[in-house]
């Protein structure tokens, strides 16, 4: 898109952004009621206005369009609304603890923002955020950013809502980068699905409404994805190369443990694209050897961190869950960690969120988050099941790179946080852009081919949710009959096998088999 097209009509858009910024800025300051009203109003309005300018420019650069505009507006407003609601509602309807009384969902964010405010009020340089003096941010990037905001535009009062505005802006700004890249590589329908998944996925909405690092991770990953795609096309290199360099540096400042696998996955993507251009077989063999050595080196680099985390977080899971304690006690030691790992894959558990007693605000939030995961999970499983049907072969290899990366990270997240229902899902959500691409491709493939297996996977999940919701409800409400867990598992397996085998037999009888996609 030409520079003239990008900036055509920009004055009208800026006027709209300015008006919205003033309204939202006044609303946020009125609800927070922190410090001087006018200083808080101007600070919030300024951040919203700057975010709005970037969003408008990115939307125009991505080709515009009503669908993308609606996607971005809803993504922005949903996160702002949820952030305002939680800041208002948690002190009133949450638990009596400091984190929630301050309007925070995540304790990590609460402790880091307190430190950021202390740093902003001190005379220390902000670079001290990257030292050992502050332990609430292991890497320092988010702490430094928060302290900079407080020191420059909010020196009179502690306003963590300003950091939420940055998180909302970063998460929303991911959308045009992801959509335009997926559109070029996988087609318009896959791009539309991927964009809506990124915009509306509940865990992403919650993280984007909070003072967390994950929205910035998602933003940097989306930009790196966009830059690498343009580099492969040999297009817009004067912009793509600086975007890649700056995004990678920023990602390393926020977390090198996230940056390393992200950059490695992108390099693997480059390799599977470029390998076909090599004429000599020994070059391809050598390249794959380098890839294998690189993967081994990454695992070795993370080995101590993972082993230590596995033991600690498994212990945390056991001590915090009576159900897990009970069933782990009946398992041999060799099966205990696999049990924790599988249990973690299903967190947050939707039946538990529905059944477990909790204040209404927490139960609603738990159901909201769990519904998102139990909607996305079967889409990814189906996509993994059908990825071998992707055509051409190059697209199939791209999807396999994403599948391998996502699968490895989901397992690491479940192991890293055990069965924890908070850390586990937010670690997993870091790779939401690629999860959205894989799931979006799966949905469009199923709809285009008329493939019934996606519906069958959803039926199997429905059986699981029905049986286990009844089982969880029976734990808290004695009037409901409580079957043994083993019996519930047997019924689930029998009914699920019936769906799978019946579906396979029906397709075989009709001679139905999905073709490779033709796009």
Protein backbone atom coordinates (compact mmCIF):
# COMPACT_ATOMS: atom_id res chain seq x y z
CA UNK A 1 0.00 0.00 0.00
CA UNK A 2 1.37 3.43 -0.97
CA UNK A 3 2.19 6.12 1.55
CA UNK A 4 -0.48 8.37 -0.01
CA UNK A 5 -3.16 5.71 0.57
CA UNK A 6 -2.07 5.15 4.16
CA UNK A 7 -2.36 8.83 5.07
CA UNK A 8 -5.41 9.69 2.92
CA UNK A 9 -8.23 10.85 5.18
CA UNK A 10 -6.01 10.62 8.25
CA UNK A 11 -7.25 13.94 9.66
CA UNK A 12 -10.79 12.59 10.02
CA UNK A 13 -9.53 9.46 11.77
CA UNK A 14 -7.34 11.47 14.12
CA UNK A 15 -10.31 13.65 15.06
CA UNK A 16 -12.31 10.53 15.95
CA UNK A 17 -9.38 9.08 17.93
CA UNK A 18 -8.95 12.38 19.80
CA UNK A 19 -12.62 12.48 20.78
CA UNK A 20 -12.64 8.87 21.96
CA UNK A 21 -9.39 9.44 23.86
CA UNK A 22 -10.84 12.37 25.80
CA UNK A 23 -14.00 10.47 26.73
CA UNK A 24 -12.18 7.30 27.80
CA UNK A 25 -9.48 9.31 29.58
CA UNK A 26 -12.08 11.13 31.66
CA UNK A 27 -13.90 7.87 32.44
CA UNK A 28 -10.74 6.05 33.54
CA UNK A 29 -9.59 8.90 35.78
CA UNK A 30 -13.07 9.28 37.28
CA UNK A 31 -13.19 5.57 38.18
CA UNK A 32 -9.64 5.41 39.54
CA UNK A 33 -9.97 8.76 41.37
CA UNK A 34 -6.19 8.84 41.88
CA UNK A 35 -4.33 12.12 42.40
CA UNK A 36 -5.15 15.30 40.54
CA UNK A 37 -8.10 14.73 38.19
CA UNK A 38 -6.74 16.85 35.33
CA UNK A 39 -3.26 15.30 35.41
CA UNK A 40 -4.77 11.80 35.43
CA UNK A 41 -7.24 12.72 32.70
CA UNK A 42 -4.47 14.11 30.47
CA UNK A 43 -2.17 11.13 31.11
CA UNK A 44 -4.84 8.54 30.25
CA UNK A 45 -6.07 10.53 27.23
CA UNK A 46 -2.52 10.92 25.93
CA UNK A 47 -1.77 7.19 26.07
CA UNK A 48 -5.11 6.30 24.46
CA UNK A 49 -4.56 8.91 21.75
CA UNK A 50 -1.04 7.68 20.95
CA UNK A 51 -2.28 4.08 20.88
CA UNK A 52 -5.15 5.14 18.62
CA UNK A 53 -2.80 6.84 16.14
CA UNK A 54 -0.66 3.71 15.90
CA UNK A 55 -3.76 1.53 15.49
CA UNK A 56 -5.14 3.71 12.69
CA UNK A 57 -1.81 3.74 10.84
CA UNK A 58 -1.40 -0.03 11.24
CA UNK A 59 -4.97 -0.63 10.06
CA UNK A 60 -4.39 1.47 6.97
CA UNK A 61 -1.05 -0.18 6.33
CA UNK A 62 -2.75 -3.58 6.47
CA UNK A 63 -5.13 -2.56 3.71
CA UNK A 64 -7.97 -1.26 5.85
CA UNK A 65 -11.33 -2.95 5.50
CA UNK A 66 -14.43 -3.03 7.67
CA UNK A 67 -13.78 -6.51 9.07
CA UNK A 68 -10.33 -5.60 10.39
CA UNK A 69 -11.59 -2.26 11.72
CA UNK A 70 -14.45 -3.97 13.60
CA UNK A 71 -12.04 -6.58 14.91
CA UNK A 72 -9.65 -3.94 16.26
CA UNK A 73 -12.37 -1.72 17.75
CA UNK A 74 -13.97 -4.66 19.58
CA UNK A 75 -10.60 -5.95 20.77
CA UNK A 76 -9.70 -2.52 22.17
CA UNK A 77 -13.03 -1.76 23.81
CA UNK A 78 -13.49 -5.25 25.29
CA UNK A 79 -10.14 -5.03 27.04
CA UNK A 80 -10.69 -1.49 28.25
CA UNK A 81 -14.15 -2.41 29.56
CA UNK A 82 -12.90 -5.54 31.33
CA UNK A 83 -9.96 -3.65 32.84
CA UNK A 84 -12.25 -0.93 34.19
CA UNK A 85 -14.76 -3.49 35.48
CA UNK A 86 -12.10 -5.51 37.33
CA UNK A 87 -10.48 -2.42 38.84
CA UNK A 88 -13.92 -1.39 40.11
CA UNK A 89 -15.35 -4.82 40.95
CA UNK A 90 -12.52 -6.75 42.60
CA UNK A 91 -12.24 -4.45 45.66
CA UNK A 92 -16.01 -4.78 46.15
CA UNK A 93 -16.75 -8.39 45.22
CA UNK A 94 -13.37 -10.16 45.31
CA UNK A 95 -11.49 -11.72 48.19
CA UNK A 96 -10.16 -9.71 51.14
CA UNK A 97 -6.53 -9.62 50.09
CA UNK A 98 -4.20 -6.81 49.05
CA UNK A 99 -3.94 -7.79 45.40
CA UNK A 100 -7.68 -7.84 44.76
CA UNK A 101 -8.43 -4.88 46.99
CA UNK A 102 -6.05 -2.92 44.74
CA UNK A 103 -8.04 -4.05 41.67
CA UNK A 104 -5.49 -6.56 40.34
CA UNK A 105 -6.24 -10.07 39.08
CA UNK A 106 -2.60 -11.19 38.94
CA UNK A 107 -0.36 -10.99 41.99
CA UNK A 108 2.75 -10.77 39.77
CA UNK A 109 1.44 -7.57 38.19
CA UNK A 110 0.44 -6.13 41.58
CA UNK A 111 3.88 -6.59 43.11
CA UNK A 112 5.72 -5.39 40.01
CA UNK A 113 3.62 -2.24 39.68
CA UNK A 114 4.23 -1.38 43.32
CA UNK A 115 7.95 -1.69 42.68
CA UNK A 116 7.64 0.33 39.46
CA UNK A 117 5.94 3.16 41.36
CA UNK A 118 8.67 3.06 44.02
CA UNK A 119 11.34 3.19 41.31
CA UNK A 120 9.58 6.07 39.56
CA UNK A 121 9.49 8.03 42.82
CA UNK A 122 13.16 7.43 43.53
CA UNK A 123 16.12 9.19 42.00
CA UNK A 124 17.56 5.96 40.65
CA UNK A 125 18.01 5.55 36.90
CA UNK A 126 15.43 3.31 35.27
CA UNK A 127 18.17 0.95 34.12
CA UNK A 128 18.26 -0.35 37.69
CA UNK A 129 15.12 -2.30 36.76
CA UNK A 130 17.41 -4.73 34.93
CA UNK A 131 19.56 -5.33 38.02
CA UNK A 132 19.11 -7.65 40.99
CA UNK A 133 17.64 -4.85 43.11
CA UNK A 134 14.09 -5.60 41.93
CA UNK A 135 12.97 -9.23 41.98
CA UNK A 136 9.34 -8.75 40.93
CA UNK A 137 10.34 -8.61 37.26
CA UNK A 138 12.90 -11.28 36.47
CA UNK A 139 13.98 -9.59 33.25
CA UNK A 140 13.33 -5.90 33.94
CA UNK A 141 11.73 -4.73 30.69
CA UNK A 142 8.16 -4.43 31.94
CA UNK A 143 9.28 -2.90 35.24
CA UNK A 144 11.30 -0.24 33.40
CA UNK A 145 8.39 0.57 31.08
CA UNK A 146 5.93 0.98 33.97
CA UNK A 147 8.36 3.13 35.95
CA UNK A 148 8.94 5.32 32.90
CA UNK A 149 5.20 5.93 32.50
CA UNK A 150 4.76 6.79 36.18
CA UNK A 151 7.81 9.06 36.28
CA UNK A 152 7.04 11.00 33.08
CA UNK A 153 3.26 11.40 32.88
CA UNK A 154 1.95 10.37 36.32
CA UNK A 155 4.39 11.75 38.91
CA UNK A 156 1.66 12.87 41.30
CA UNK A 157 -0.17 9.56 41.87
CA UNK A 158 0.01 5.80 41.41
CA UNK A 159 -2.18 4.97 38.38
CA UNK A 160 -1.73 1.33 37.30
CA UNK A 161 -4.60 1.81 34.85
CA UNK A 162 -2.15 3.64 32.59
CA UNK A 163 -0.18 0.43 32.17
CA UNK A 164 -3.39 -1.38 31.28
CA UNK A 165 -3.86 1.13 28.44
CA UNK A 166 -0.44 0.19 27.07
CA UNK A 167 -1.30 -3.53 27.33
CA UNK A 168 -4.62 -2.95 25.55
CA UNK A 169 -2.88 -0.99 22.79
CA UNK A 170 -0.14 -3.60 22.33
CA UNK A 171 -2.61 -6.48 22.16
CA UNK A 172 -4.85 -4.68 19.66
CA UNK A 173 -1.90 -3.57 17.56
CA UNK A 174 -0.99 -7.24 17.09
CA UNK A 175 -4.11 -7.75 14.97
CA UNK A 176 -3.21 -5.90 11.75
CA UNK A 177 0.30 -7.42 11.73
CA UNK A 178 -1.09 -10.93 12.15
CA UNK A 179 -4.02 -10.54 9.74
CA UNK A 180 -2.02 -9.08 6.87
CA UNK A 181 0.67 -11.75 7.23
CA UNK A 182 -1.79 -14.64 7.36
CA UNK A 183 -3.74 -13.19 4.44
CA UNK A 184 -0.62 -13.20 2.26
CA UNK A 185 0.48 -16.68 3.31
CA UNK A 186 -2.72 -18.64 3.98
CA UNK A 187 -5.59 -16.74 2.38
CA UNK A 188 -8.26 -14.26 3.40
CA UNK A 189 -10.59 -16.69 5.18
CA UNK A 190 -7.86 -18.13 7.37
CA UNK A 191 -6.72 -14.57 8.15
CA UNK A 192 -10.25 -13.61 9.19
CA UNK A 193 -10.58 -16.60 11.52
CA UNK A 194 -7.11 -16.08 12.99
CA UNK A 195 -7.83 -12.40 13.61
CA UNK A 196 -11.11 -13.04 15.41
CA UNK A 197 -9.51 -15.74 17.57
CA UNK A 198 -6.71 -13.35 18.58
CA UNK A 199 -9.21 -10.55 19.22
CA UNK A 200 -11.76 -12.50 21.27
CA UNK A 201 -9.92 -15.36 22.98
CA UNK A 202 -10.90 -14.88 26.65
CA UNK A 203 -7.47 -15.43 28.21
CA UNK A 204 -6.08 -12.91 25.73
CA UNK A 205 -8.83 -10.46 26.64
CA UNK A 206 -8.05 -10.83 30.34
CA UNK A 207 -4.29 -10.49 29.89
CA UNK A 208 -4.78 -7.54 27.56
CA UNK A 209 -6.90 -5.85 30.22
CA UNK A 210 -4.26 -6.38 32.90
CA UNK A 211 -0.80 -5.00 33.63
CA UNK A 212 0.90 -8.14 32.30
CA UNK A 213 3.83 -8.83 29.99
CA UNK A 214 1.95 -11.30 27.78
CA UNK A 215 0.21 -8.64 25.62
CA UNK A 216 3.62 -7.23 24.77
CA UNK A 217 4.97 -10.70 24.03
CA UNK A 218 2.07 -11.26 21.64
CA UNK A 219 2.67 -7.89 19.99
CA UNK A 220 6.41 -8.52 19.49
CA UNK A 221 5.75 -12.05 18.18
CA UNK A 222 3.21 -10.72 15.68
CA UNK A 223 5.64 -8.08 14.43
CA UNK A 224 8.48 -10.59 14.13
CA UNK A 225 6.12 -12.90 12.22
CA UNK A 226 5.21 -10.02 9.89
CA UNK A 227 8.84 -9.01 9.37
CA UNK A 228 10.04 -12.54 8.60
CA UNK A 229 7.18 -13.07 6.11
CA UNK A 230 8.19 -9.89 4.27
CA UNK A 231 11.84 -10.90 4.35
CA UNK A 232 10.93 -14.22 2.71
CA UNK A 233 9.01 -12.35 0.03
CA UNK A 234 11.91 -9.91 -0.40
CA UNK A 235 9.42 -7.08 0.03
CA UNK A 236 9.45 -3.94 2.21
CA UNK A 237 12.91 -4.87 3.45
CA UNK A 238 13.71 -1.29 4.50
CA UNK A 239 10.85 -1.57 6.99
CA UNK A 240 10.83 -5.31 7.72
CA UNK A 241 14.48 -5.54 8.82
CA UNK A 242 14.29 -2.69 11.39
CA UNK A 243 10.96 -4.06 12.68
CA UNK A 244 12.52 -7.49 13.14
CA UNK A 245 15.60 -6.11 14.91
CA UNK A 246 13.70 -3.76 17.24
CA UNK A 247 11.00 -6.33 18.07
CA UNK A 248 13.59 -8.99 18.82
CA UNK A 249 15.59 -6.66 21.07
CA UNK A 250 12.41 -5.62 22.91
CA UNK A 251 11.37 -9.24 23.33
CA UNK A 252 14.76 -10.12 24.81
CA UNK A 253 14.47 -7.19 27.24
CA UNK A 254 11.06 -8.42 28.37
CA UNK A 255 12.09 -12.10 28.55
CA UNK A 256 14.99 -13.88 26.90
CA UNK A 257 13.35 -17.23 27.74
CA UNK A 258 10.48 -16.30 25.44
CA UNK A 259 12.62 -14.54 22.84
CA UNK A 260 14.90 -17.52 22.22
CA UNK A 261 12.22 -20.05 21.21
CA UNK A 262 10.34 -17.39 19.20
CA UNK A 263 13.38 -16.42 17.15
CA UNK A 264 14.37 -20.07 16.79
CA UNK A 265 10.90 -20.97 15.48
CA UNK A 266 11.08 -18.12 12.96
CA UNK A 267 14.51 -19.26 11.80
CA UNK A 268 13.10 -22.77 11.37
CA UNK A 269 10.27 -21.27 9.33
CA UNK A 270 12.81 -19.49 7.12
CA UNK A 271 14.68 -22.76 6.68
CA UNK A 272 11.67 -24.81 5.57
CA UNK A 273 10.87 -22.09 3.02
CA UNK A 274 14.39 -21.72 1.67
CA UNK A 275 15.42 -25.39 1.68
CA UNK A 276 13.69 -26.06 -1.65
CA UNK A 277 15.99 -23.53 -3.30
CA UNK A 278 19.10 -25.57 -2.44
CA UNK A 279 20.28 -27.66 -5.39
CA UNK A 280 22.72 -29.99 -3.63
CA UNK A 281 21.47 -32.67 -1.26
CA UNK A 282 24.44 -32.35 1.07
CA UNK A 283 23.45 -28.74 1.76
CA UNK A 284 19.98 -29.86 2.82
CA UNK A 285 21.39 -32.60 5.05
CA UNK A 286 23.83 -30.17 6.63
CA UNK A 287 21.05 -27.68 7.20
CA UNK A 288 18.86 -30.22 8.99
CA UNK A 289 21.83 -31.26 11.12
CA UNK A 290 22.29 -27.62 12.14
CA UNK A 291 18.56 -27.40 12.97
CA UNK A 292 18.80 -30.54 15.13
CA UNK A 293 21.89 -29.24 16.94
CA UNK A 294 20.20 -25.88 17.49
CA UNK A 295 17.12 -27.56 18.98
CA UNK A 296 19.30 -29.65 21.26
CA UNK A 297 21.25 -26.58 22.36
CA UNK A 298 18.03 -24.77 23.29
CA UNK A 299 16.83 -27.72 25.35
CA UNK A 300 20.21 -27.90 27.10
CA UNK A 301 20.11 -24.17 27.78
CA UNK A 302 16.70 -24.46 29.44
CA UNK A 303 17.38 -27.79 31.14
CA UNK A 304 18.17 -26.58 34.68
CA UNK A 305 15.34 -24.01 34.63
CA UNK A 306 12.80 -26.60 33.49
CA UNK A 307 13.92 -29.33 35.88
CA UNK A 308 13.84 -26.96 38.86
CA UNK A 309 10.49 -25.54 37.79
CA UNK A 310 8.97 -28.97 37.22
CA UNK A 311 9.75 -30.09 40.77
CA UNK A 312 8.67 -26.86 42.44
CA UNK A 313 5.48 -26.31 40.46
CA UNK A 314 4.47 -29.96 40.73
CA UNK A 315 4.80 -29.60 44.51
CA UNK A 316 2.66 -26.45 44.38
CA UNK A 317 -0.04 -28.25 42.43
CA UNK A 318 -0.11 -31.15 44.90
CA UNK A 319 -0.29 -28.93 47.97
CA UNK A 320 -3.02 -26.66 46.56
CA UNK A 321 -5.48 -29.23 45.20
CA UNK A 322 -7.22 -31.78 47.41
CA UNK A 323 -8.50 -33.69 44.37
CA UNK A 324 -5.02 -33.95 42.90
CA UNK A 325 -3.61 -35.05 46.27
CA UNK A 326 -6.19 -37.81 46.52
CA UNK A 327 -5.60 -39.30 43.08
CA UNK A 328 -1.84 -38.84 43.11
CA UNK A 329 -1.73 -40.88 46.30
CA UNK A 330 -3.11 -43.88 44.42
CA UNK A 331 -0.59 -43.63 41.58
CA UNK A 332 2.97 -44.98 41.48
CA UNK A 333 5.65 -42.29 41.60
CA UNK A 334 6.55 -42.84 37.94
CA UNK A 335 3.03 -41.82 36.85
CA UNK A 336 2.59 -38.81 39.10
CA UNK A 337 4.32 -36.27 36.88
CA UNK A 338 2.53 -37.45 33.67
CA UNK A 339 -0.75 -37.12 35.62
CA UNK A 340 0.13 -33.53 36.58
CA UNK A 341 1.13 -32.79 32.98
CA UNK A 342 -2.15 -34.09 31.51
CA UNK A 343 -4.14 -32.35 34.24
CA UNK A 344 -2.38 -29.12 33.33
CA UNK A 345 -3.34 -29.47 29.67
CA UNK A 346 -7.01 -29.16 30.65
CA UNK A 347 -6.57 -26.08 32.85
CA UNK A 348 -8.57 -24.00 33.47
CA UNK A 349 -11.02 -26.89 33.95
CA UNK A 350 -14.45 -25.74 32.79
CA UNK A 351 -16.50 -28.20 34.91
CA UNK A 352 -14.60 -27.08 38.01
CA UNK A 353 -15.13 -23.41 37.14
CA UNK A 354 -18.87 -24.04 36.85
CA UNK A 355 -19.20 -26.11 40.02
CA UNK A 356 -16.68 -24.77 42.54
CA UNK A 357 -18.02 -22.24 45.07
CA UNK A 358 -16.50 -18.78 44.64
CA UNK A 359 -17.54 -15.12 44.69
CA UNK A 360 -19.63 -14.43 41.60
CA UNK A 361 -16.95 -12.23 40.03
CA UNK A 362 -14.37 -15.02 40.25
CA UNK A 363 -16.74 -17.74 39.10
CA UNK A 364 -17.72 -15.63 36.08
CA UNK A 365 -14.09 -14.98 35.27
CA UNK A 366 -13.22 -18.67 35.64
CA UNK A 367 -16.04 -19.77 33.32
CA UNK A 368 -15.10 -17.06 30.81
CA UNK A 369 -11.47 -18.20 30.67
CA UNK A 370 -12.29 -21.90 30.59
CA UNK A 371 -14.85 -21.48 27.79
CA UNK A 372 -12.13 -19.91 25.67
CA UNK A 373 -9.68 -22.78 26.16
CA UNK A 374 -12.31 -25.47 25.64
CA UNK A 375 -13.32 -23.76 22.40
CA UNK A 376 -9.78 -23.33 21.09
CA UNK A 377 -8.42 -26.72 22.15
CA UNK A 378 -10.53 -28.88 19.78
CA UNK A 379 -9.79 -26.49 16.90
CA UNK A 380 -6.06 -27.01 17.39
CA UNK A 381 -6.44 -30.77 17.81
CA UNK A 382 -8.45 -30.93 14.60
CA UNK A 383 -5.88 -28.79 12.76
CA UNK A 384 -3.09 -31.11 13.94
CA UNK A 385 -5.18 -34.05 12.72
CA UNK A 386 -5.66 -32.51 9.26
CA UNK A 387 -2.46 -30.53 8.72
CA UNK A 388 -1.12 -33.23 6.40
CA UNK A 389 -3.92 -32.30 3.98
CA UNK A 390 -2.64 -28.73 3.61
CA UNK A 391 -1.61 -27.89 0.10
CA UNK A 392 0.78 -26.86 -1.37
CA UNK A 393 3.57 -28.70 0.44
CA UNK A 394 5.20 -25.43 1.44
CA UNK A 395 2.09 -24.31 3.33
CA UNK A 396 1.98 -27.71 5.00
CA UNK A 397 5.54 -27.27 6.25
CA UNK A 398 4.73 -23.77 7.58
CA UNK A 399 1.80 -25.14 9.55
CA UNK A 400 3.89 -28.02 10.87
CA UNK A 401 6.46 -25.52 12.19
CA UNK A 402 3.69 -23.73 14.08
CA UNK A 403 2.23 -27.04 15.26
CA UNK A 404 5.56 -28.28 16.61
CA UNK A 405 6.29 -24.96 18.32
CA UNK A 406 2.83 -24.69 19.88
CA UNK A 407 2.76 -28.33 21.00
CA UNK A 408 6.16 -28.05 22.65
CA UNK A 409 5.21 -24.81 24.38
CA UNK A 410 1.84 -26.07 25.62
CA UNK A 411 3.57 -29.10 27.16
CA UNK A 412 6.27 -26.89 28.69
CA UNK A 413 3.61 -24.54 30.07
CA UNK A 414 1.72 -27.42 31.64
CA UNK A 415 4.91 -28.82 33.13
CA UNK A 416 6.31 -25.42 34.12
CA UNK A 417 3.13 -24.51 36.02
CA UNK A 418 1.85 -28.01 36.74
CA UNK A 419 -1.89 -28.03 37.16
CA UNK A 420 -2.00 -24.36 38.15
CA UNK A 421 -5.09 -22.69 36.71
CA UNK A 422 -3.50 -19.23 36.36
CA UNK A 423 0.19 -19.41 35.39
CA UNK A 424 -0.30 -22.39 33.10
CA UNK A 425 -2.94 -20.71 30.82
CA UNK A 426 -1.12 -17.37 30.65
CA UNK A 427 2.18 -19.05 29.70
CA UNK A 428 0.29 -20.95 27.01
CA UNK A 429 -1.32 -17.77 25.66
CA UNK A 430 2.04 -16.22 24.78
CA UNK A 431 1.92 -18.12 21.49
CA UNK A 432 -1.69 -17.16 20.81
CA UNK A 433 -0.87 -15.62 17.37
CA UNK A 434 0.38 -18.95 16.04
CA UNK A 435 -2.36 -20.86 17.85
CA UNK A 436 -4.82 -18.56 16.07
CA UNK A 437 -3.20 -19.24 12.68
CA UNK A 438 -3.30 -23.02 13.15
CA UNK A 439 -6.88 -23.00 14.48
CA UNK A 440 -8.05 -20.54 11.83
CA UNK A 441 -6.65 -22.74 9.10
CA UNK A 442 -8.39 -25.76 10.64
CA UNK A 443 -11.79 -24.05 10.72
CA UNK A 444 -11.60 -22.84 7.14
CA UNK A 445 -10.38 -26.27 5.97
CA UNK A 446 -13.29 -28.02 7.69
CA UNK A 447 -15.87 -25.58 6.30
CA UNK A 448 -14.39 -25.60 2.79
CA UNK A 449 -14.13 -29.38 2.61
CA UNK A 450 -17.34 -30.16 4.49
CA UNK A 451 -15.26 -32.32 6.84
CA UNK A 452 -17.36 -33.71 9.71
CA UNK A 453 -14.43 -34.54 11.97
CA UNK A 454 -14.28 -31.09 13.53
CA UNK A 455 -17.92 -31.49 14.60
CA UNK A 456 -17.12 -34.97 15.97
CA UNK A 457 -14.22 -33.62 18.02
CA UNK A 458 -16.60 -31.02 19.45
CA UNK A 459 -19.15 -33.76 20.28
CA UNK A 460 -16.45 -35.73 22.13
CA UNK A 461 -15.55 -32.62 24.08
CA UNK A 462 -19.23 -32.04 24.82
CA UNK A 463 -19.48 -35.55 26.27
CA UNK A 464 -16.42 -34.87 28.44
CA UNK A 465 -17.82 -31.59 29.72
CA UNK A 466 -21.28 -33.02 30.44
CA UNK A 467 -19.97 -36.00 32.42
CA UNK A 468 -17.33 -34.15 34.37
CA UNK A 469 -19.54 -31.15 35.11
CA UNK A 470 -22.01 -33.55 36.74
CA UNK A 471 -19.12 -35.19 38.65
CA UNK A 472 -17.77 -31.84 39.89
CA UNK A 473 -21.25 -30.62 40.85
CA UNK A 474 -21.77 -33.79 42.88
CA UNK A 475 -18.68 -32.92 44.95
CA UNK A 476 -20.23 -29.65 46.13
CA UNK A 477 -23.94 -30.48 46.12
CA UNK A 478 -24.73 -33.77 47.93
CA UNK A 479 -28.23 -34.01 46.44
CA UNK A 480 -26.64 -34.82 43.08
CA UNK A 481 -25.63 -38.51 42.72
CA UNK A 482 -21.86 -38.89 42.70
CA UNK A 483 -20.45 -41.62 40.45
CA UNK A 484 -16.95 -42.97 40.89
CA UNK A 485 -14.34 -41.23 38.79
CA UNK A 486 -13.33 -44.51 37.19
CA UNK A 487 -16.92 -45.10 36.05
CA UNK A 488 -17.09 -41.58 34.61
CA UNK A 489 -13.89 -42.23 32.64
CA UNK A 490 -15.22 -45.55 31.31
CA UNK A 491 -18.49 -43.96 30.18
CA UNK A 492 -16.56 -41.14 28.52
CA UNK A 493 -14.26 -43.53 26.66
CA UNK A 494 -17.14 -45.75 25.49
CA UNK A 495 -19.24 -42.84 24.21
CA UNK A 496 -16.23 -41.14 22.60
CA UNK A 497 -15.17 -44.32 20.85
CA UNK A 498 -18.72 -44.65 19.62
CA UNK A 499 -18.54 -41.19 18.04
CA UNK A 500 -15.11 -41.81 16.50
CA UNK A 501 -15.73 -45.32 15.21
CA UNK A 502 -19.24 -44.46 14.06
CA UNK A 503 -17.98 -41.41 12.20
CA UNK A 504 -15.17 -43.38 10.56
CA UNK A 505 -17.61 -46.12 9.50
CA UNK A 506 -20.06 -43.57 8.09
CA UNK A 507 -17.35 -41.84 6.05
CA UNK A 508 -16.07 -45.18 4.81
CA UNK A 509 -19.56 -46.30 3.76
CA UNK A 510 -20.14 -43.04 1.89
CA UNK A 511 -16.64 -42.96 0.46
CA UNK A 512 -16.18 -39.53 2.05
CA UNK A 513 -12.65 -38.32 2.47
CA UNK A 514 -11.51 -34.71 2.61
CA UNK A 515 -9.39 -33.68 -0.34
CA UNK A 516 -6.23 -31.68 -0.06
CA UNK A 517 -7.16 -28.05 0.05
CA UNK A 518 -7.30 -26.15 -3.21
CA UNK A 519 -6.57 -22.54 -2.45
